[in-house]
């Protein structure tokens, strides 16, 4: 157990506060800041888990926490001393939304942090008084009456996202999506089929005191509920036995179904999650040209391929839109397009507050250009899989319908390729037509969109 670096303040809360402050006041990215801070700390695994929970929860639920605080503050939270407002947010998150947190300890440490950061006793008294009032009256808190404002506040989402989801999916579906977005992202490992079976991986993980179980969604997924070591320090990770990937994202390979010996293009490969799965499907025989415009992602893709024993991937640092027209045509192409990410808002605690409609609109032209470039690179009768991690139709169905009107491709059904996944009747019918939208949380997975097309002769 790490000793507190300041009297009366645990290192867990001190580190958590610094991270929350950096994200809310300095624009740091929550996931990157957390990874860097925890990697550099000597906290135990359980302490690191607690830091992550406090940081991600406090940032994710900022809108709800601020609503509560404004009911008890004389001056609204946005006008408070920057350190004080983040101390209050962190404390209220623990008091209202975390189990097994002693009220007295939470208040005491918030008071000590206020004294340390502000050096103003008047602010110390404010923090102490507000938190004690919230403890006394937390069961009496009233939420907004307007339905949209209520959903946005209670589930801590920007109102424009709530309005968009309501227009698309209706109130009952939206509440389930918002709830899922506020849960910690599930940790799932995809077994590397090139190096052994899922059962063998589970036994190897259990030997390293990892608590895990087979996913019910896919034949490759392993649900991890507890780690007693960092992922990078697991022997099975170092040996390339698995890749960290959500179940919904694992569907690209079976839908596209690449065969050994084929030429495949992965046009927005990123760090290689779907790329490596395609290579496994091909039994590491054939050719995958993996493109991305970001050098660090290409470097990580190469690292992942080496770690997993994959040799058929050729990483290429180049813009897909600028590819030369005389490239050899591919039998199968994956285009995992840049998107708004509205299906994976639980992945980064701050993501929902960094998005706006203007940024989302700017993606439409890019997605359209990438799709048409992909079609030009496809063999006659070849297959193109378009995927995104958003649930926004203008980025998904509308892009595909526009492309179909040009007459170069037709939809290709893929329901039979997903027989292992328990699709309900509506989703199975979609997949049979060549389109599939997985709503966040519906199958306890992230939100994804897939469209499979075949090039005409």
Foldseek 3Di string as FASTA:
>chain_A
DDDDPDPLARPLVVLLLVLLLCCPPVVDFNVVSLVVVVVPDPDAPVSSVSSNCLNLLLLLQVLQQQLLLCVQDPDRLVPDDSSLSSLSSSLVCCLPPNPPDDLVSSLRNSLVSCCVPVVDVVSSVVSNVSSVVCNVCVVVDDADPPPLRRLCRVLVFPSVLSVQCCVVPNDVLSSLLSVLLSDAQWWKKFFQVLVDAQVVVVVLQVVQVWDWAADLFDRGIITTDDHNDDQVPRPCVQQLGTDTDWSVVLVPCLQQQDEAAFEEEEQAQFLNPNVSSNCSSHSLHHAYEYEHQDPVRLVNNVVSCVSNVRDRYDYDNDHLLPDDLPDAAGQEYEYADDALLQQNSSNTSNSSVPDDPVVRVVRLVVLLSNVVSNLSRHDAQGKYKYKYLHPRCSSAVVSVVVVVVVPFKAFAARLVSSPSGPDDPVQSVQNRRFKGWDHHPPSVTTTMIMGMITGHD
